[in-house]
N, C-alpha and C. Protein backbone atom coordinates (compact mmCIF):
# COMPACT_ATOMS: atom_id res chain seq x y z
N UNK A 1 -9.13 -81.81 -34.74
CA UNK A 1 -8.99 -82.27 -33.37
C UNK A 1 -10.32 -82.82 -32.89
N UNK A 2 -10.30 -84.04 -32.43
CA UNK A 2 -11.53 -84.65 -31.91
C UNK A 2 -11.25 -85.33 -30.58
N UNK A 3 -12.24 -85.23 -29.69
CA UNK A 3 -12.15 -85.87 -28.39
C UNK A 3 -13.30 -86.85 -28.25
N UNK A 4 -13.00 -88.01 -27.74
CA UNK A 4 -14.01 -89.04 -27.54
C UNK A 4 -14.02 -89.43 -26.08
N UNK A 5 -15.10 -89.07 -25.39
CA UNK A 5 -15.25 -89.45 -23.98
C UNK A 5 -16.02 -90.75 -23.89
N UNK A 6 -15.60 -91.63 -23.01
CA UNK A 6 -16.28 -92.91 -22.84
C UNK A 6 -16.09 -93.40 -21.42
N UNK A 7 -16.80 -94.47 -21.09
CA UNK A 7 -16.65 -95.09 -19.78
C UNK A 7 -17.78 -94.81 -18.81
N UNK A 8 -18.74 -94.00 -19.21
CA UNK A 8 -19.85 -93.73 -18.34
C UNK A 8 -20.77 -94.93 -18.20
N UNK A 9 -21.74 -94.81 -17.32
CA UNK A 9 -22.69 -95.89 -17.12
C UNK A 9 -23.48 -95.71 -15.86
N UNK A 10 -24.18 -96.76 -15.49
CA UNK A 10 -24.99 -96.78 -14.27
C UNK A 10 -24.21 -97.53 -13.18
N UNK A 11 -24.08 -96.90 -12.04
CA UNK A 11 -23.34 -97.51 -10.95
C UNK A 11 -24.06 -97.22 -9.64
N UNK A 12 -23.93 -98.11 -8.68
CA UNK A 12 -24.57 -97.92 -7.39
C UNK A 12 -23.73 -96.98 -6.52
N UNK A 13 -24.36 -96.32 -5.57
CA UNK A 13 -23.60 -95.47 -4.65
C UNK A 13 -22.45 -96.25 -4.01
N UNK A 14 -21.31 -95.60 -3.96
CA UNK A 14 -20.12 -96.25 -3.43
C UNK A 14 -19.28 -96.94 -4.49
N UNK A 15 -19.82 -97.06 -5.68
CA UNK A 15 -19.12 -97.74 -6.76
C UNK A 15 -18.10 -96.86 -7.46
N UNK A 16 -17.50 -97.41 -8.50
CA UNK A 16 -16.43 -96.73 -9.23
C UNK A 16 -16.66 -96.82 -10.73
N UNK A 17 -16.12 -95.84 -11.41
CA UNK A 17 -16.08 -95.84 -12.87
C UNK A 17 -14.78 -95.17 -13.30
N UNK A 18 -14.32 -95.54 -14.48
CA UNK A 18 -13.17 -94.85 -15.05
C UNK A 18 -13.56 -94.30 -16.41
N UNK A 19 -13.51 -93.00 -16.51
CA UNK A 19 -13.79 -92.34 -17.78
C UNK A 19 -12.50 -92.19 -18.57
N UNK A 20 -12.65 -92.26 -19.89
CA UNK A 20 -11.51 -92.06 -20.78
C UNK A 20 -11.82 -90.92 -21.75
N UNK A 21 -10.80 -90.17 -22.08
CA UNK A 21 -10.91 -89.12 -23.08
C UNK A 21 -9.80 -89.36 -24.09
N UNK A 22 -10.19 -89.88 -25.24
CA UNK A 22 -9.21 -90.20 -26.28
C UNK A 22 -9.19 -89.07 -27.30
N UNK A 23 -8.00 -88.62 -27.62
CA UNK A 23 -7.84 -87.50 -28.55
C UNK A 23 -7.30 -87.98 -29.89
N UNK A 24 -7.76 -87.39 -30.94
CA UNK A 24 -7.24 -87.66 -32.28
C UNK A 24 -7.05 -86.32 -33.00
N UNK A 25 -6.14 -86.32 -33.93
CA UNK A 25 -5.89 -85.09 -34.66
C UNK A 25 -4.65 -84.36 -34.20
N UNK A 26 -4.14 -84.70 -33.02
CA UNK A 26 -2.87 -84.19 -32.56
C UNK A 26 -2.26 -85.21 -31.61
N UNK A 27 -0.97 -85.14 -31.45
CA UNK A 27 -0.24 -86.11 -30.65
C UNK A 27 0.19 -85.48 -29.34
N UNK A 28 -0.19 -86.09 -28.24
CA UNK A 28 0.11 -85.55 -26.92
C UNK A 28 1.59 -85.24 -26.76
N UNK A 29 2.43 -86.11 -27.26
CA UNK A 29 3.84 -85.92 -27.03
C UNK A 29 4.45 -84.74 -27.75
N UNK A 30 3.82 -84.26 -28.82
CA UNK A 30 4.39 -83.18 -29.61
C UNK A 30 3.79 -81.82 -29.27
N UNK A 31 2.66 -81.81 -28.61
CA UNK A 31 1.99 -80.55 -28.34
C UNK A 31 1.77 -80.38 -26.84
N UNK A 32 1.66 -79.12 -26.45
CA UNK A 32 1.30 -78.81 -25.07
C UNK A 32 -0.21 -78.86 -24.97
N UNK A 33 -0.72 -79.96 -24.47
CA UNK A 33 -2.17 -80.18 -24.48
C UNK A 33 -2.67 -80.38 -23.06
N UNK A 34 -3.53 -79.50 -22.64
CA UNK A 34 -4.18 -79.64 -21.33
C UNK A 34 -5.57 -80.22 -21.54
N UNK A 35 -5.98 -81.05 -20.60
CA UNK A 35 -7.30 -81.68 -20.67
C UNK A 35 -8.07 -81.36 -19.39
N UNK A 36 -9.31 -81.01 -19.58
CA UNK A 36 -10.18 -80.77 -18.43
C UNK A 36 -11.41 -81.65 -18.51
N UNK A 37 -11.91 -82.03 -17.36
CA UNK A 37 -13.17 -82.77 -17.26
C UNK A 37 -14.21 -81.84 -16.62
N UNK A 38 -15.36 -81.79 -17.25
CA UNK A 38 -16.47 -81.00 -16.73
C UNK A 38 -17.70 -81.90 -16.67
N UNK A 39 -18.67 -81.49 -15.91
CA UNK A 39 -19.91 -82.26 -15.86
C UNK A 39 -21.10 -81.31 -15.79
N UNK A 40 -22.20 -81.80 -16.26
CA UNK A 40 -23.43 -81.00 -16.23
C UNK A 40 -24.60 -81.90 -15.89
N UNK A 41 -25.24 -81.58 -14.78
CA UNK A 41 -26.43 -82.29 -14.36
C UNK A 41 -27.65 -81.55 -14.88
N UNK A 42 -28.78 -82.24 -15.01
CA UNK A 42 -30.00 -81.59 -15.51
C UNK A 42 -30.37 -80.37 -14.69
N UNK A 43 -30.59 -79.26 -15.37
CA UNK A 43 -31.00 -78.05 -14.70
C UNK A 43 -29.90 -77.29 -14.01
N UNK A 44 -28.66 -77.75 -14.16
CA UNK A 44 -27.53 -77.09 -13.50
C UNK A 44 -26.51 -76.62 -14.53
N UNK A 45 -25.67 -75.69 -14.11
CA UNK A 45 -24.61 -75.21 -14.98
C UNK A 45 -23.48 -76.23 -15.08
N UNK A 46 -22.72 -76.08 -16.15
CA UNK A 46 -21.56 -76.96 -16.32
C UNK A 46 -20.55 -76.68 -15.21
N UNK A 47 -20.04 -77.72 -14.63
CA UNK A 47 -19.15 -77.61 -13.48
C UNK A 47 -17.79 -78.24 -13.78
N UNK A 48 -16.73 -77.55 -13.43
CA UNK A 48 -15.41 -78.12 -13.61
C UNK A 48 -15.14 -79.19 -12.58
N UNK A 49 -14.59 -80.32 -13.01
CA UNK A 49 -14.35 -81.46 -12.13
C UNK A 49 -12.85 -81.63 -11.85
N UNK A 50 -12.08 -81.66 -12.92
CA UNK A 50 -10.64 -81.88 -12.77
C UNK A 50 -9.94 -81.48 -14.06
N UNK A 51 -8.65 -81.22 -13.94
CA UNK A 51 -7.87 -80.93 -15.15
C UNK A 51 -6.44 -81.33 -14.92
N UNK A 52 -5.73 -81.52 -16.03
CA UNK A 52 -4.32 -81.90 -15.97
C UNK A 52 -3.59 -81.19 -17.09
N UNK A 53 -2.48 -80.58 -16.75
CA UNK A 53 -1.70 -79.89 -17.77
C UNK A 53 -0.85 -80.88 -18.55
N UNK A 54 -0.23 -80.38 -19.60
CA UNK A 54 0.55 -81.25 -20.47
C UNK A 54 1.68 -81.93 -19.72
N UNK A 55 2.37 -81.18 -18.89
CA UNK A 55 3.51 -81.73 -18.16
C UNK A 55 3.12 -82.43 -16.88
N UNK A 56 1.82 -82.39 -16.57
CA UNK A 56 1.28 -82.93 -15.31
C UNK A 56 1.73 -82.10 -14.10
N UNK A 57 2.30 -80.95 -14.38
CA UNK A 57 2.71 -80.09 -13.27
C UNK A 57 1.49 -79.51 -12.56
N UNK A 58 0.44 -79.26 -13.33
CA UNK A 58 -0.77 -78.68 -12.76
C UNK A 58 -1.89 -79.71 -12.84
N UNK A 59 -2.41 -80.05 -11.69
CA UNK A 59 -3.57 -80.94 -11.58
C UNK A 59 -4.50 -80.33 -10.56
N UNK A 60 -5.76 -80.16 -10.93
CA UNK A 60 -6.73 -79.55 -10.03
C UNK A 60 -7.98 -80.42 -9.95
N UNK A 61 -8.62 -80.33 -8.79
CA UNK A 61 -9.87 -81.04 -8.57
C UNK A 61 -10.88 -80.08 -7.94
N UNK A 62 -12.12 -80.27 -8.28
CA UNK A 62 -13.18 -79.56 -7.56
C UNK A 62 -13.23 -80.09 -6.13
N UNK A 63 -13.60 -79.23 -5.21
CA UNK A 63 -13.67 -79.65 -3.80
C UNK A 63 -14.60 -80.84 -3.62
N UNK A 64 -15.63 -80.90 -4.43
CA UNK A 64 -16.64 -81.94 -4.27
C UNK A 64 -16.12 -83.33 -4.65
N UNK A 65 -14.98 -83.39 -5.35
CA UNK A 65 -14.48 -84.70 -5.79
C UNK A 65 -13.09 -85.01 -5.24
N UNK A 66 -12.50 -84.08 -4.54
CA UNK A 66 -11.16 -84.32 -3.98
C UNK A 66 -11.15 -85.55 -3.08
N UNK A 67 -10.13 -86.36 -3.26
CA UNK A 67 -10.00 -87.58 -2.47
C UNK A 67 -10.78 -88.75 -3.04
N UNK A 68 -11.64 -88.49 -4.01
CA UNK A 68 -12.44 -89.57 -4.63
C UNK A 68 -12.10 -89.78 -6.10
N UNK A 69 -11.76 -88.70 -6.79
CA UNK A 69 -11.45 -88.78 -8.22
C UNK A 69 -9.95 -88.58 -8.43
N UNK A 70 -9.44 -89.26 -9.45
CA UNK A 70 -8.03 -89.11 -9.81
C UNK A 70 -7.92 -88.97 -11.32
N UNK A 71 -7.23 -87.93 -11.76
CA UNK A 71 -7.01 -87.72 -13.18
C UNK A 71 -5.59 -88.17 -13.54
N UNK A 72 -5.45 -88.73 -14.71
CA UNK A 72 -4.13 -89.17 -15.17
C UNK A 72 -4.11 -89.14 -16.70
N UNK A 73 -2.93 -89.21 -17.26
CA UNK A 73 -2.82 -89.20 -18.71
C UNK A 73 -1.81 -90.22 -19.17
N UNK A 74 -2.06 -90.77 -20.35
CA UNK A 74 -1.14 -91.70 -20.99
C UNK A 74 -0.84 -91.10 -22.35
N UNK A 75 0.28 -90.42 -22.46
CA UNK A 75 0.60 -89.73 -23.70
C UNK A 75 0.80 -90.70 -24.86
N UNK A 76 1.28 -91.90 -24.57
CA UNK A 76 1.49 -92.88 -25.63
C UNK A 76 0.17 -93.29 -26.27
N UNK A 77 -0.91 -93.19 -25.50
CA UNK A 77 -2.23 -93.57 -26.01
C UNK A 77 -3.09 -92.36 -26.33
N UNK A 78 -2.53 -91.16 -26.19
CA UNK A 78 -3.31 -89.94 -26.44
C UNK A 78 -4.60 -89.92 -25.63
N UNK A 79 -4.52 -90.35 -24.40
CA UNK A 79 -5.72 -90.53 -23.59
C UNK A 79 -5.53 -89.99 -22.19
N UNK A 80 -6.57 -89.36 -21.69
CA UNK A 80 -6.63 -88.93 -20.29
C UNK A 80 -7.74 -89.69 -19.60
N UNK A 81 -7.49 -90.09 -18.36
CA UNK A 81 -8.45 -90.88 -17.60
C UNK A 81 -8.94 -90.10 -16.39
N UNK A 82 -10.15 -90.41 -16.00
CA UNK A 82 -10.70 -89.88 -14.74
C UNK A 82 -11.23 -91.08 -13.96
N UNK A 83 -10.48 -91.47 -12.96
CA UNK A 83 -10.90 -92.56 -12.09
C UNK A 83 -11.81 -91.99 -11.02
N UNK A 84 -13.01 -92.50 -10.93
CA UNK A 84 -14.01 -91.98 -10.00
C UNK A 84 -14.38 -93.07 -9.01
N UNK A 85 -14.07 -92.84 -7.76
CA UNK A 85 -14.39 -93.79 -6.69
C UNK A 85 -15.39 -93.19 -5.72
N UNK A 86 -15.97 -94.04 -4.92
CA UNK A 86 -16.94 -93.60 -3.89
C UNK A 86 -17.99 -92.68 -4.49
N UNK A 87 -18.54 -93.10 -5.58
CA UNK A 87 -19.52 -92.28 -6.28
C UNK A 87 -20.80 -92.15 -5.46
N UNK A 88 -21.42 -91.01 -5.55
CA UNK A 88 -22.70 -90.78 -4.89
C UNK A 88 -23.67 -90.16 -5.88
N UNK A 89 -24.95 -90.13 -5.55
CA UNK A 89 -25.95 -89.63 -6.51
C UNK A 89 -25.67 -88.21 -7.00
N UNK A 90 -25.00 -87.41 -6.20
CA UNK A 90 -24.69 -86.03 -6.62
C UNK A 90 -23.67 -85.99 -7.76
N UNK A 91 -23.03 -87.10 -8.04
CA UNK A 91 -22.08 -87.17 -9.15
C UNK A 91 -22.78 -87.47 -10.48
N UNK A 92 -24.06 -87.72 -10.43
CA UNK A 92 -24.82 -88.01 -11.65
C UNK A 92 -24.81 -86.79 -12.57
N UNK A 93 -24.37 -87.00 -13.79
CA UNK A 93 -24.26 -85.90 -14.76
C UNK A 93 -23.74 -86.45 -16.08
N UNK A 94 -23.78 -85.61 -17.09
CA UNK A 94 -23.05 -85.90 -18.32
C UNK A 94 -21.64 -85.33 -18.15
N UNK A 95 -20.66 -86.15 -18.37
CA UNK A 95 -19.26 -85.75 -18.20
C UNK A 95 -18.64 -85.48 -19.56
N UNK A 96 -18.00 -84.33 -19.67
CA UNK A 96 -17.36 -83.91 -20.90
C UNK A 96 -15.86 -83.73 -20.67
N UNK A 97 -15.08 -84.07 -21.68
CA UNK A 97 -13.67 -83.71 -21.63
C UNK A 97 -13.42 -82.60 -22.65
N UNK A 98 -12.44 -81.79 -22.36
CA UNK A 98 -12.12 -80.65 -23.19
C UNK A 98 -10.62 -80.50 -23.29
N UNK A 99 -10.15 -79.90 -24.37
CA UNK A 99 -8.71 -79.78 -24.60
C UNK A 99 -8.35 -78.38 -25.07
N UNK A 100 -7.12 -78.00 -24.76
CA UNK A 100 -6.57 -76.76 -25.26
C UNK A 100 -5.06 -76.92 -25.40
N UNK A 101 -4.48 -76.09 -26.25
CA UNK A 101 -3.04 -76.10 -26.41
C UNK A 101 -2.36 -75.07 -25.51
N UNK A 102 -3.15 -74.40 -24.67
CA UNK A 102 -2.58 -73.43 -23.74
C UNK A 102 -1.83 -74.16 -22.63
N UNK A 103 -0.91 -73.46 -22.01
CA UNK A 103 -0.16 -74.05 -20.89
C UNK A 103 -0.99 -73.97 -19.62
N UNK A 104 -0.71 -74.90 -18.72
CA UNK A 104 -1.45 -74.95 -17.47
C UNK A 104 -2.79 -75.61 -17.68
N UNK A 105 -3.69 -75.44 -16.71
CA UNK A 105 -5.06 -75.90 -16.88
C UNK A 105 -5.93 -75.20 -15.85
N UNK A 106 -7.23 -75.30 -16.05
CA UNK A 106 -8.17 -74.69 -15.12
C UNK A 106 -9.47 -75.45 -15.14
N UNK A 107 -10.18 -75.42 -14.01
CA UNK A 107 -11.53 -76.00 -13.98
C UNK A 107 -12.55 -74.90 -13.73
N UNK A 108 -12.12 -73.65 -13.70
CA UNK A 108 -13.01 -72.54 -13.40
C UNK A 108 -13.69 -71.99 -14.64
N UNK A 109 -13.04 -72.11 -15.78
CA UNK A 109 -13.50 -71.42 -16.98
C UNK A 109 -13.62 -72.38 -18.15
N UNK A 110 -14.80 -72.91 -18.42
CA UNK A 110 -14.95 -73.82 -19.56
C UNK A 110 -14.53 -73.20 -20.89
N UNK A 111 -14.70 -71.91 -21.03
CA UNK A 111 -14.39 -71.25 -22.30
C UNK A 111 -12.89 -71.18 -22.56
N UNK A 112 -12.09 -71.53 -21.56
CA UNK A 112 -10.63 -71.54 -21.75
C UNK A 112 -10.22 -72.66 -22.69
N UNK A 113 -11.09 -73.66 -22.80
CA UNK A 113 -10.82 -74.83 -23.65
C UNK A 113 -11.37 -74.60 -25.06
N UNK A 114 -10.68 -75.17 -26.02
CA UNK A 114 -11.02 -74.94 -27.42
C UNK A 114 -11.74 -76.11 -28.08
N UNK A 115 -11.58 -77.29 -27.53
CA UNK A 115 -12.15 -78.48 -28.16
C UNK A 115 -12.88 -79.29 -27.11
N UNK A 116 -14.03 -79.81 -27.48
CA UNK A 116 -14.88 -80.55 -26.54
C UNK A 116 -15.29 -81.89 -27.13
N UNK A 117 -15.38 -82.88 -26.25
CA UNK A 117 -15.92 -84.17 -26.63
C UNK A 117 -17.43 -84.15 -26.52
N UNK A 118 -18.06 -85.28 -26.84
CA UNK A 118 -19.52 -85.34 -26.93
C UNK A 118 -20.19 -85.62 -25.60
N UNK A 119 -19.45 -86.03 -24.59
CA UNK A 119 -20.03 -86.30 -23.29
C UNK A 119 -20.38 -87.77 -23.09
N UNK A 120 -20.29 -88.20 -21.86
CA UNK A 120 -20.67 -89.56 -21.49
C UNK A 120 -21.49 -89.49 -20.21
N UNK A 121 -22.59 -90.22 -20.16
CA UNK A 121 -23.53 -90.15 -19.03
C UNK A 121 -23.04 -91.01 -17.88
N UNK A 122 -23.02 -90.41 -16.71
CA UNK A 122 -22.75 -91.14 -15.47
C UNK A 122 -23.98 -91.03 -14.59
N UNK A 123 -24.52 -92.17 -14.20
CA UNK A 123 -25.69 -92.20 -13.33
C UNK A 123 -25.37 -93.03 -12.10
N UNK A 124 -25.52 -92.41 -10.94
CA UNK A 124 -25.27 -93.09 -9.68
C UNK A 124 -26.61 -93.25 -8.97
N UNK A 125 -27.05 -94.48 -8.87
CA UNK A 125 -28.37 -94.74 -8.31
C UNK A 125 -28.44 -96.16 -7.78
N UNK A 126 -29.22 -96.34 -6.73
CA UNK A 126 -29.42 -97.68 -6.20
C UNK A 126 -30.66 -98.31 -6.83
């Protein structure tokens, strides 16, 4: 099982980015796969950003990103997206996606996930 996070970059405050988390090694349609997005800024702990369960019944956002970020999944492409709008400098971090075959999802406990991508850098600066 491998996860590939991409889509990061440098953006000005107020701008947008869309992160992608592409999975290989298992097929979304055949397995119960939950995906979570986490981020870690320099000198800070890893923070849960958003997650989506396999059935999309459970979707959660951190309070700091509610109303600005949207998570979605395309099972045909084995990919989960994180649309990030109205970005501000506090969103600067390395963003990681993570996967598990457990039901539901959570952004509180990184250790709940079994597989992690390599991370993609998001920098919000003028």
